[in-house]
C-alpha atoms as a PDB file:
ATOM      1  CA  MET A   1       9.319   4.683  10.976  1.00  0.00           C
ATOM      2  CA  ILE A   2       8.630   6.714   7.849  1.00  0.00           C
ATOM      3  CA  LEU A   3       9.112   3.713   5.529  1.00  0.00           C
ATOM      4  CA  ASP A   4       6.351   1.871   7.386  1.00  0.00           C
ATOM      5  CA  ARG A   5       3.968   4.789   6.872  1.00  0.00           C
ATOM      6  CA  ILE A   6       4.760   5.020   3.154  1.00  0.00           C
ATOM      7  CA  ALA A   7       4.269   1.270   2.769  1.00  0.00           C
ATOM      8  CA  LEU A   8       0.990   1.451   4.672  1.00  0.00           C
ATOM      9  CA  PHE A   9      -0.244   4.294   2.456  1.00  0.00           C
ATOM     10  CA  LEU A  10       0.621   2.363  -0.706  1.00  0.00           C
ATOM     11  CA  CYS A  11      -1.112  -0.760   0.612  1.00  0.00           C
ATOM     12  CA  ILE A  12      -4.225   1.281   1.328  1.00  0.00           C
ATOM     13  CA  VAL A  13      -4.099   2.592  -2.247  1.00  0.00           C
ATOM     14  CA  GLY A  14      -3.810  -1.006  -3.443  1.00  0.00           C
ATOM     15  CA  ALA A  15      -6.710  -2.107  -1.252  1.00  0.00           C
ATOM     16  CA  ILE A  16      -8.934   0.681  -2.576  1.00  0.00           C
ATOM     17  CA  ASN A  17      -7.943  -0.208  -6.126  1.00  0.00           C
ATOM     18  CA  TRP A  18      -8.690  -3.915  -5.591  1.00  0.00           C
ATOM     19  CA  GLY A  19     -11.984  -3.009  -3.963  1.00  0.00           C
ATOM     20  CA  SER A  20     -13.003  -0.938  -6.958  1.00  0.00           C
ATOM     21  CA  ILE A  21     -12.009  -3.781  -9.280  1.00  0.00           C
ATOM     22  CA  GLY A  22     -14.017  -6.298  -7.244  1.00  0.00           C
ATOM     23  CA  LEU A  23     -17.102  -4.142  -6.797  1.00  0.00           C
ATOM     24  CA  PHE A  24     -17.229  -2.151 -10.020  1.00  0.00           C
ATOM     25  CA  SER A  25     -14.766  -3.851 -12.415  1.00  0.00           C
ATOM     26  CA  PHE A  26     -12.953  -0.519 -12.534  1.00  0.00           C
ATOM     27  CA  ASP A  27      -9.167  -0.232 -12.156  1.00  0.00           C
ATOM     28  CA  ILE A  28      -8.486   3.214 -10.702  1.00  0.00           C
ATOM     29  CA  VAL A  29      -4.706   3.038 -11.172  1.00  0.00           C
ATOM     30  CA  ALA A  30      -5.044   2.037 -14.830  1.00  0.00           C
ATOM     31  CA  TRP A  31      -7.620   4.770 -15.359  1.00  0.00           C
ATOM     32  CA  ILE A  32      -5.354   7.445 -13.872  1.00  0.00           C
ATOM     33  CA  PHE A  33      -2.197   6.363 -15.672  1.00  0.00           C
ATOM     34  CA  GLY A  34      -3.595   5.269 -19.036  1.00  0.00           C
ATOM     35  CA  GLY A  35      -4.032   1.498 -18.867  1.00  0.00           C
ATOM     36  CA  GLN A  36      -2.669  -1.546 -17.098  1.00  0.00           C
ATOM     37  CA  GLY A  37       0.249  -1.891 -19.497  1.00  0.00           C
ATOM     38  CA  ASP A  38       1.408   1.699 -19.092  1.00  0.00           C
ATOM     39  CA  ILE A  39       4.793   2.054 -17.392  1.00  0.00           C
ATOM     40  CA  PHE A  40       3.429   4.313 -14.626  1.00  0.00           C
ATOM     41  CA  SER A  41       0.650   1.850 -13.789  1.00  0.00           C
ATOM     42  CA  ARG A  42       3.164  -0.958 -13.636  1.00  0.00           C
ATOM     43  CA  ILE A  43       5.373   1.117 -11.323  1.00  0.00           C
ATOM     44  CA  VAL A  44       2.436   1.746  -8.969  1.00  0.00           C
ATOM     45  CA  TYR A  45       1.474  -1.948  -8.989  1.00  0.00           C
ATOM     46  CA  THR A  46       5.091  -2.901  -8.232  1.00  0.00           C
ATOM     47  CA  LEU A  47       5.382  -0.361  -5.400  1.00  0.00           C
ATOM     48  CA  VAL A  48       2.151  -1.661  -3.861  1.00  0.00           C
ATOM     49  CA  ALA A  49       3.478  -5.230  -4.041  1.00  0.00           C
ATOM     50  CA  ILE A  50       6.817  -4.260  -2.477  1.00  0.00           C
ATOM     51  CA  SER A  51       4.943  -2.356   0.236  1.00  0.00           C
ATOM     52  CA  GLY A  52       2.875  -5.428   1.046  1.00  0.00           C
ATOM     53  CA  LEU A  53       6.022  -7.504   1.355  1.00  0.00           C
ATOM     54  CA  TRP A  54       7.630  -4.840   3.549  1.00  0.00           C
ATOM     55  CA  LEU A  55       4.620  -4.768   5.849  1.00  0.00           C
ATOM     56  CA  THR A  56       4.873  -8.517   6.428  1.00  0.00           C
ATOM     57  CA  THR A  57       7.997  -7.716   8.440  1.00  0.00           C
ATOM     58  CA  LEU A  58       5.680  -6.225  11.061  1.00  0.00           C
ATOM     59  CA  PHE A  59       4.781  -9.772  12.109  1.00  0.00           C
ATOM     60  CA  PHE A  60       8.380 -10.472  13.037  1.00  0.00           C
ATOM     61  CA  ARG A  61       9.358  -7.232  14.752  1.00  0.00           C
ATOM     62  CA  SER A  62       9.350  -6.851  18.497  1.00  0.00           C
ATOM     63  CA  ARG A  63       6.722  -4.490  19.837  1.00  0.00           C
ATOM     64  CA  GLU A  64       7.994  -1.150  20.934  1.00  0.00           C
ATOM     65  CA  THR A  65       6.502   0.267  24.069  1.00  0.00           C
ATOM     66  CA  THR A  66       5.958   3.976  24.440  1.00  0.00           C
ATOM     67  CA  PRO A  67       6.088   5.483  27.887  1.00  0.00           C
ATOM     68  CA  ALA A  68       2.796   6.732  29.266  1.00  0.00           C
ATOM     69  CA  LEU A  69       2.267  10.465  29.065  1.00  0.00           C
ATOM     70  CA  GLU A  70       2.720  12.147  32.381  1.00  0.00           C
ATOM     71  CA  SER A  71       0.232  14.787  33.397  1.00  0.00           C
END
């Protein structure tokens, strides 16, 4: 599902950002968009949070099986 892929991408962005904060005390999102209080930074932070919540639904979905490729 395309929404799952978008959410996964945004969570990876959030993970990289948190990693840079933890390792280097450097907020990449704030640096790109002009500070933590800037509206664009806040939008990115909010989208990452919503994506994380969306991805928690993966725990409750049934697993889809894909048929094996025939040769």
